[in-house]
Amino acid sequence: MTTQAIETAATVATLPIAANVDAAWNRYAAMVGETVADPSLLLDRDHCSACIRAWATFRDLMVASDSLAAESTAPLPYMQTPALTAADACRA
């Protein structure tokens, strides 16, 4: 976030990543289905490039979705400190 965005109290929209993952998968799966139905598409550079881009889009959205899910359930690093989890006094 830029300083300007912070100063102007800009809002950040949350993207519906899960829905986008499903849509990206459906697009990629449809393209693969076209290739299975017409194997000559395996030699069509434009089609293959589009398939690669569709896969990359799906992959990136899936990884982002997994990362968000992991962040929401993972304990914070300070909670993993033995002295804090055991409620022992910390000494400097």
Protein backbone atom coordinates (compact mmCIF):
# COMPACT_ATOMS: atom_id res chain seq x y z
CA MET A 1 0.00 0.00 0.00
CA THR A 2 1.42 3.37 -0.92
CA THR A 3 1.77 6.31 1.42
CA GLN A 4 -0.76 8.20 -0.66
CA ALA A 5 -3.32 5.41 -0.23
CA ILE A 6 -2.78 5.43 3.51
CA GLU A 7 -3.06 9.22 3.72
CA THR A 8 -6.29 9.30 1.73
CA ALA A 9 -7.80 6.40 3.69
CA ALA A 10 -8.19 4.32 0.56
CA THR A 11 -10.13 1.13 0.91
CA VAL A 12 -8.85 -2.19 -0.29
CA ALA A 13 -11.36 -4.51 -1.90
CA THR A 14 -11.17 -8.18 -1.03
CA LEU A 15 -11.17 -10.35 -4.12
CA PRO A 16 -13.32 -13.48 -4.10
CA ILE A 17 -10.33 -15.73 -4.73
CA ALA A 18 -12.19 -19.03 -4.20
CA ALA A 19 -14.72 -18.17 -6.92
CA ASN A 20 -11.90 -17.05 -9.20
CA VAL A 21 -10.04 -20.33 -8.60
CA ASP A 22 -13.09 -22.30 -9.67
CA ALA A 23 -13.62 -20.13 -12.76
CA ALA A 24 -9.95 -20.42 -13.73
CA TRP A 25 -10.07 -24.19 -13.30
CA ASN A 26 -13.21 -24.45 -15.43
CA ARG A 27 -11.57 -22.38 -18.17
CA TYR A 28 -8.42 -24.53 -18.13
CA ALA A 29 -10.41 -27.80 -18.00
CA ALA A 30 -12.53 -26.69 -20.96
CA MET A 31 -9.41 -25.97 -23.00
CA VAL A 32 -7.95 -29.37 -22.15
CA GLY A 33 -11.29 -30.91 -23.12
CA GLU A 34 -11.06 -29.20 -26.51
CA THR A 35 -7.58 -30.64 -26.94
CA VAL A 36 -8.75 -34.15 -26.08
CA ALA A 37 -11.63 -33.84 -28.54
CA ASP A 38 -9.33 -32.50 -31.28
CA PRO A 39 -5.75 -33.76 -30.87
CA SER A 40 -4.61 -31.57 -33.78
CA LEU A 41 -4.81 -28.68 -31.29
CA LEU A 42 -1.64 -30.10 -29.72
CA LEU A 43 0.18 -28.62 -32.72
CA ASP A 44 -1.64 -25.27 -32.60
CA ARG A 45 0.74 -22.84 -30.92
CA ASP A 46 -1.94 -20.28 -30.10
CA HIS A 47 -4.11 -22.92 -28.46
CA CYS A 48 -1.18 -24.35 -26.50
CA SER A 49 -0.11 -20.87 -25.37
CA ALA A 50 -3.65 -20.14 -24.22
CA CYS A 51 -3.69 -23.44 -22.30
CA ILE A 52 -0.41 -22.57 -20.61
CA ARG A 53 -1.72 -19.12 -19.64
CA ALA A 54 -4.97 -20.67 -18.35
CA TRP A 55 -2.97 -23.16 -16.26
CA ALA A 56 -0.74 -20.39 -14.88
CA THR A 57 -3.77 -18.30 -13.93
CA PHE A 58 -5.36 -21.25 -12.15
CA ARG A 59 -2.08 -22.14 -10.42
CA ASP A 60 -1.50 -18.59 -9.16
CA LEU A 61 -5.04 -18.22 -7.85
CA MET A 62 -4.92 -21.64 -6.19
CA VAL A 63 -1.62 -20.84 -4.46
CA ALA A 64 -2.99 -17.47 -3.32
CA SER A 65 -6.13 -19.15 -2.01
CA ASP A 66 -4.08 -21.78 -0.15
CA SER A 67 -1.82 -19.09 1.28
CA LEU A 68 -4.79 -17.08 2.56
CA ALA A 69 -6.29 -20.18 4.13
CA ALA A 70 -2.99 -21.05 5.81
CA GLU A 71 -2.59 -17.51 7.13
CA SER A 72 -6.03 -17.52 8.68
CA THR A 73 -5.44 -20.77 10.58
CA ALA A 74 -1.72 -20.66 11.35
CA PRO A 75 -0.70 -19.56 14.83
CA LEU A 76 1.21 -16.32 15.00
CA PRO A 77 5.00 -16.70 15.34
CA TYR A 78 5.04 -15.23 18.85
CA MET A 79 2.58 -17.90 19.95
CA GLN A 80 5.13 -20.57 19.05
CA THR A 81 7.73 -19.22 21.47
CA PRO A 82 8.14 -21.82 24.25
CA ALA A 83 8.43 -19.21 26.99
CA LEU A 84 5.14 -17.60 25.99
CA THR A 85 3.18 -20.78 25.38
CA ALA A 86 4.27 -22.17 28.73
CA ALA A 87 3.40 -18.87 30.43
CA ASP A 88 6.94 -18.68 31.83
CA ALA A 89 8.54 -15.36 32.58
CA CYS A 90 10.86 -14.14 29.85
CA ARG A 91 14.34 -13.01 30.81
CA ALA A 92 16.34 -10.63 28.68
